Amino acid sequence: MFSGLIEHFGNSFTEVFNQDLIPRLMELNLVPQKYWPTMSFGAVESVDLKTLAQFLRDTTGSQVLNPDADLEAHVREIADFPDKLDEEEEVAPVVEPEPEEIAEIA
């Protein structure tokens, strides 16, 4: 409950900074709008990832919870992982040069 209150205040301050204070300061200094910073407020509480992993293992293993794309996206957000690539997006494989190629370059 206390962390929720802190998050509310943090988000309120962030909103005031982004909507009022930063624009005024940037306009006074003649900074183009594309260079204006924005303030953000992070989470007050952090989730213990080991505890979360155990909880997910227990609940999915006993079929209390069925993993889906929304759950995966939420877990990725909590763990600060990047978004999952679409199946259509393919990561180019890393090709290591052969030792002979390296010698030719040098």
N, C-alpha and C. Protein backbone atom coordinates (compact mmCIF):
# COMPACT_ATOMS: atom_id res chain seq x y z
N MET A 1 0.82 -1.18 0.00
CA MET A 1 0.00 0.00 0.00
C MET A 1 0.87 1.26 0.00
N PHE A 2 1.91 1.25 0.82
CA PHE A 2 2.80 2.41 0.88
C PHE A 2 3.51 2.61 -0.45
N SER A 3 3.96 1.50 -1.06
CA SER A 3 4.67 1.63 -2.35
C SER A 3 3.72 2.15 -3.42
N GLY A 4 2.44 1.80 -3.34
CA GLY A 4 1.46 2.33 -4.29
C GLY A 4 1.30 3.83 -4.15
N LEU A 5 1.34 4.31 -2.91
CA LEU A 5 1.25 5.74 -2.66
C LEU A 5 2.47 6.46 -3.21
N ILE A 6 3.64 5.90 -2.98
CA ILE A 6 4.88 6.49 -3.49
C ILE A 6 4.86 6.53 -5.02
N GLU A 7 4.40 5.44 -5.64
CA GLU A 7 4.31 5.41 -7.10
C GLU A 7 3.35 6.47 -7.61
N HIS A 8 2.23 6.66 -6.92
CA HIS A 8 1.27 7.68 -7.32
C HIS A 8 1.92 9.07 -7.28
N PHE A 9 2.61 9.38 -6.18
CA PHE A 9 3.28 10.68 -6.08
C PHE A 9 4.35 10.83 -7.17
N GLY A 10 5.12 9.79 -7.39
CA GLY A 10 6.16 9.84 -8.42
C GLY A 10 5.59 10.09 -9.80
N ASN A 11 4.50 9.40 -10.11
CA ASN A 11 3.85 9.60 -11.41
C ASN A 11 3.25 11.00 -11.52
N SER A 12 2.72 11.52 -10.42
CA SER A 12 2.16 12.88 -10.43
C SER A 12 3.25 13.92 -10.67
N PHE A 13 4.39 13.78 -9.98
CA PHE A 13 5.50 14.70 -10.19
C PHE A 13 6.01 14.61 -11.63
N THR A 14 6.11 13.40 -12.13
CA THR A 14 6.59 13.20 -13.50
C THR A 14 5.68 13.90 -14.49
N GLU A 15 4.38 13.79 -14.30
CA GLU A 15 3.43 14.42 -15.19
C GLU A 15 3.58 15.95 -15.17
N VAL A 16 3.74 16.52 -13.99
CA VAL A 16 3.91 17.98 -13.88
C VAL A 16 5.20 18.41 -14.55
N PHE A 17 6.29 17.68 -14.32
CA PHE A 17 7.56 18.02 -14.94
C PHE A 17 7.45 17.98 -16.47
N ASN A 18 6.86 16.90 -16.99
CA ASN A 18 6.79 16.73 -18.44
C ASN A 18 5.82 17.69 -19.12
N GLN A 19 4.75 18.06 -18.45
CA GLN A 19 3.74 18.92 -19.08
C GLN A 19 3.99 20.40 -18.83
N ASP A 20 4.61 20.76 -17.74
CA ASP A 20 4.75 22.17 -17.40
C ASP A 20 6.19 22.65 -17.30
N LEU A 21 6.95 22.05 -16.43
CA LEU A 21 8.28 22.57 -16.12
C LEU A 21 9.29 22.42 -17.25
N ILE A 22 9.39 21.23 -17.81
CA ILE A 22 10.36 21.02 -18.88
C ILE A 22 10.04 21.89 -20.10
N PRO A 23 8.79 21.95 -20.57
CA PRO A 23 8.52 22.83 -21.72
C PRO A 23 8.88 24.30 -21.45
N ARG A 24 8.56 24.80 -20.26
CA ARG A 24 8.89 26.19 -19.95
C ARG A 24 10.40 26.43 -19.98
N LEU A 25 11.14 25.54 -19.37
CA LEU A 25 12.58 25.68 -19.33
C LEU A 25 13.19 25.59 -20.73
N MET A 26 12.71 24.65 -21.52
CA MET A 26 13.23 24.48 -22.87
C MET A 26 12.90 25.68 -23.76
N GLU A 27 11.69 26.22 -23.61
CA GLU A 27 11.31 27.40 -24.40
C GLU A 27 12.14 28.61 -24.00
N LEU A 28 12.41 28.78 -22.71
CA LEU A 28 13.24 29.90 -22.26
C LEU A 28 14.66 29.82 -22.82
N ASN A 29 15.13 28.60 -23.02
CA ASN A 29 16.49 28.41 -23.53
C ASN A 29 16.53 28.18 -25.04
N LEU A 30 15.37 28.34 -25.69
CA LEU A 30 15.26 28.22 -27.15
C LEU A 30 15.73 26.86 -27.68
N VAL A 31 15.44 25.83 -26.93
CA VAL A 31 15.81 24.47 -27.33
C VAL A 31 14.70 23.92 -28.24
N PRO A 32 15.04 23.42 -29.44
CA PRO A 32 14.02 22.84 -30.32
C PRO A 32 13.30 21.68 -29.62
N GLN A 33 12.02 21.55 -29.88
CA GLN A 33 11.20 20.58 -29.17
C GLN A 33 11.69 19.14 -29.36
N LYS A 34 12.28 18.84 -30.51
CA LYS A 34 12.75 17.46 -30.72
C LYS A 34 13.87 17.06 -29.75
N TYR A 35 14.49 18.03 -29.09
CA TYR A 35 15.57 17.75 -28.14
C TYR A 35 15.12 17.81 -26.69
N TRP A 36 13.84 18.06 -26.46
CA TRP A 36 13.36 18.16 -25.09
C TRP A 36 13.43 16.81 -24.38
N PRO A 37 13.91 16.79 -23.17
CA PRO A 37 13.93 15.53 -22.41
C PRO A 37 12.55 15.24 -21.82
N THR A 38 12.37 14.04 -21.40
CA THR A 38 11.17 13.67 -20.64
C THR A 38 11.62 12.96 -19.38
N MET A 39 10.87 13.18 -18.35
CA MET A 39 11.17 12.55 -17.07
C MET A 39 10.33 11.29 -16.96
N SER A 40 10.90 10.24 -16.41
CA SER A 40 10.12 9.02 -16.19
C SER A 40 10.36 8.54 -14.76
N PHE A 41 9.40 7.80 -14.27
CA PHE A 41 9.45 7.30 -12.90
C PHE A 41 9.36 5.79 -12.96
N GLY A 42 10.32 5.11 -12.36
CA GLY A 42 10.34 3.66 -12.39
C GLY A 42 9.57 3.04 -11.24
N ALA A 43 9.57 1.74 -11.23
CA ALA A 43 8.85 0.99 -10.20
C ALA A 43 9.51 1.20 -8.83
N VAL A 44 8.68 1.28 -7.81
CA VAL A 44 9.17 1.45 -6.45
C VAL A 44 9.63 0.11 -5.89
N GLU A 45 8.86 -0.90 -6.15
CA GLU A 45 9.19 -2.23 -5.66
C GLU A 45 9.76 -3.06 -6.80
N SER A 46 10.74 -3.87 -6.49
CA SER A 46 11.24 -4.79 -7.50
C SER A 46 10.78 -6.19 -7.13
N VAL A 47 10.57 -6.99 -8.14
CA VAL A 47 10.10 -8.35 -7.95
C VAL A 47 11.32 -9.27 -7.86
N ASP A 48 11.30 -10.17 -6.90
CA ASP A 48 12.36 -11.16 -6.79
C ASP A 48 12.14 -12.18 -7.91
N LEU A 49 13.04 -12.18 -8.88
CA LEU A 49 12.85 -13.03 -10.06
C LEU A 49 12.90 -14.52 -9.73
N LYS A 50 13.68 -14.91 -8.72
CA LYS A 50 13.72 -16.32 -8.33
C LYS A 50 12.37 -16.75 -7.78
N THR A 51 11.76 -15.89 -6.97
CA THR A 51 10.45 -16.20 -6.41
C THR A 51 9.40 -16.25 -7.51
N LEU A 52 9.47 -15.31 -8.44
CA LEU A 52 8.53 -15.30 -9.57
C LEU A 52 8.69 -16.55 -10.42
N ALA A 53 9.94 -16.93 -10.69
CA ALA A 53 10.19 -18.13 -11.49
C ALA A 53 9.63 -19.37 -10.81
N GLN A 54 9.84 -19.49 -9.51
CA GLN A 54 9.31 -20.64 -8.77
C GLN A 54 7.79 -20.65 -8.80
N PHE A 55 7.18 -19.47 -8.60
CA PHE A 55 5.72 -19.36 -8.64
C PHE A 55 5.19 -19.77 -10.01
N LEU A 56 5.81 -19.28 -11.07
CA LEU A 56 5.35 -19.64 -12.42
C LEU A 56 5.55 -21.13 -12.69
N ARG A 57 6.67 -21.68 -12.24
CA ARG A 57 6.93 -23.11 -12.42
C ARG A 57 5.87 -23.93 -11.70
N ASP A 58 5.54 -23.54 -10.46
CA ASP A 58 4.55 -24.29 -9.68
C ASP A 58 3.15 -24.18 -10.29
N THR A 59 2.76 -22.98 -10.66
CA THR A 59 1.38 -22.78 -11.14
C THR A 59 1.19 -23.30 -12.56
N THR A 60 2.21 -23.21 -13.40
CA THR A 60 2.06 -23.76 -14.75
C THR A 60 2.21 -25.28 -14.73
N GLY A 61 3.08 -25.79 -13.85
CA GLY A 61 3.26 -27.23 -13.74
C GLY A 61 2.01 -27.93 -13.24
N SER A 62 1.28 -27.29 -12.35
CA SER A 62 0.04 -27.89 -11.83
C SER A 62 -1.17 -27.47 -12.65
N GLN A 63 -0.94 -26.77 -13.73
CA GLN A 63 -1.96 -26.31 -14.68
C GLN A 63 -2.99 -25.38 -14.04
N VAL A 64 -2.58 -24.67 -13.00
CA VAL A 64 -3.41 -23.63 -12.42
C VAL A 64 -3.37 -22.41 -13.34
N LEU A 65 -2.23 -22.22 -13.96
CA LEU A 65 -2.00 -21.08 -14.86
C LEU A 65 -1.49 -21.62 -16.18
N ASN A 66 -2.09 -21.17 -17.27
CA ASN A 66 -1.65 -21.59 -18.59
C ASN A 66 -0.85 -20.45 -19.23
N PRO A 67 0.42 -20.70 -19.53
CA PRO A 67 1.23 -19.64 -20.13
C PRO A 67 0.71 -19.27 -21.52
N ASP A 68 0.70 -17.98 -21.79
CA ASP A 68 0.30 -17.50 -23.10
C ASP A 68 1.15 -16.29 -23.46
N ALA A 69 0.87 -15.68 -24.57
CA ALA A 69 1.69 -14.55 -25.05
C ALA A 69 1.60 -13.35 -24.10
N ASP A 70 0.42 -13.11 -23.52
CA ASP A 70 0.26 -11.98 -22.60
C ASP A 70 1.08 -12.19 -21.33
N LEU A 71 1.06 -13.41 -20.80
CA LEU A 71 1.85 -13.71 -19.61
C LEU A 71 3.33 -13.56 -19.90
N GLU A 72 3.77 -14.06 -21.05
CA GLU A 72 5.18 -13.95 -21.40
C GLU A 72 5.59 -12.48 -21.54
N ALA A 73 4.74 -11.68 -22.16
CA ALA A 73 5.05 -10.25 -22.32
C ALA A 73 5.14 -9.58 -20.96
N HIS A 74 4.24 -9.94 -20.04
CA HIS A 74 4.26 -9.35 -18.70
C HIS A 74 5.51 -9.76 -17.93
N VAL A 75 5.89 -11.01 -18.01
CA VAL A 75 7.09 -11.49 -17.32
C VAL A 75 8.33 -10.82 -17.92
N ARG A 76 8.36 -10.66 -19.24
CA ARG A 76 9.49 -9.97 -19.88
C ARG A 76 9.59 -8.53 -19.39
N GLU A 77 8.45 -7.88 -19.21
CA GLU A 77 8.44 -6.50 -18.72
C GLU A 77 8.96 -6.44 -17.28
N ILE A 78 8.49 -7.35 -16.43
CA ILE A 78 8.93 -7.37 -15.03
C ILE A 78 10.43 -7.62 -14.94
N ALA A 79 10.93 -8.55 -15.76
CA ALA A 79 12.35 -8.91 -15.72
C ALA A 79 13.22 -7.94 -16.50
N ASP A 80 12.62 -6.95 -17.12
CA ASP A 80 13.33 -5.96 -17.93
C ASP A 80 14.04 -6.63 -19.10
N PHE A 81 13.36 -7.62 -19.70
CA PHE A 81 13.86 -8.28 -20.90
C PHE A 81 13.32 -7.54 -22.12
N PRO A 82 13.99 -7.66 -23.25
CA PRO A 82 13.45 -7.04 -24.47
C PRO A 82 12.19 -7.77 -24.93
N ASP A 83 11.40 -7.09 -25.75
CA ASP A 83 10.21 -7.71 -26.30
C ASP A 83 10.61 -8.90 -27.16
N LYS A 84 9.74 -9.89 -27.21
CA LYS A 84 10.00 -11.06 -28.03
C LYS A 84 9.85 -10.68 -29.49
N LEU A 85 10.75 -11.18 -30.31
CA LEU A 85 10.67 -10.91 -31.74
C LEU A 85 9.50 -11.67 -32.34
N ASP A 86 8.87 -11.07 -33.33
CA ASP A 86 7.82 -11.78 -34.05
C ASP A 86 8.45 -12.94 -34.80
N GLU A 87 7.63 -13.94 -35.08
CA GLU A 87 8.16 -15.09 -35.81
C GLU A 87 8.66 -14.68 -37.19
N GLU A 88 8.06 -13.60 -37.74
CA GLU A 88 8.47 -13.13 -39.06
C GLU A 88 9.83 -12.45 -39.01
N GLU A 89 10.13 -11.83 -37.85
CA GLU A 89 11.41 -11.18 -37.69
C GLU A 89 12.46 -12.24 -37.39
N GLU A 90 13.49 -12.25 -38.17
CA GLU A 90 14.51 -13.26 -37.96
C GLU A 90 15.82 -12.56 -37.64
N VAL A 91 16.49 -13.06 -36.65
CA VAL A 91 17.77 -12.50 -36.27
C VAL A 91 18.83 -13.08 -37.18
N ALA A 92 19.64 -12.22 -37.78
CA ALA A 92 20.71 -12.68 -38.66
C ALA A 92 21.74 -13.45 -37.84
N PRO A 93 22.17 -14.59 -38.32
CA PRO A 93 23.17 -15.35 -37.56
C PRO A 93 24.51 -14.63 -37.59
N VAL A 94 25.25 -14.81 -36.53
CA VAL A 94 26.59 -14.23 -36.43
C VAL A 94 27.53 -15.16 -37.16
N VAL A 95 28.24 -14.61 -38.13
CA VAL A 95 29.17 -15.42 -38.91
C VAL A 95 30.58 -15.06 -38.47
N GLU A 96 31.27 -16.04 -37.96
CA GLU A 96 32.64 -15.83 -37.52
C GLU A 96 33.56 -15.99 -38.73
N PRO A 97 34.48 -15.05 -38.95
CA PRO A 97 35.41 -15.20 -40.08
C PRO A 97 36.40 -16.33 -39.83
N GLU A 98 36.80 -16.96 -40.91
CA GLU A 98 37.79 -18.02 -40.81
C GLU A 98 39.15 -17.40 -40.50
N PRO A 99 40.04 -18.12 -39.83
CA PRO A 99 41.37 -17.56 -39.51
C PRO A 99 42.12 -17.08 -40.76
N GLU A 100 41.93 -17.76 -41.90
CA GLU A 100 42.61 -17.36 -43.12
C GLU A 100 42.12 -15.99 -43.57
N GLU A 101 40.81 -15.73 -43.41
CA GLU A 101 40.23 -14.44 -43.80
C GLU A 101 40.78 -13.32 -42.94
N ILE A 102 40.97 -13.59 -41.67
CA ILE A 102 41.51 -12.58 -40.76
C ILE A 102 42.95 -12.26 -41.16
N ALA A 103 43.73 -13.29 -41.52
CA ALA A 103 45.12 -13.08 -41.91
C ALA A 103 45.20 -12.26 -43.19
N GLU A 104 44.25 -12.46 -44.12
CA GLU A 104 44.25 -11.70 -45.38
C GLU A 104 43.95 -10.23 -45.11
N ILE A 105 43.08 -9.94 -44.17
CA ILE A 105 42.71 -8.57 -43.86
C ILE A 105 43.90 -7.84 -43.23
N ALA A 106 44.60 -8.54 -42.36
CA ALA A 106 45.72 -7.91 -41.66
C ALA A 106 46.85 -7.77 -42.59
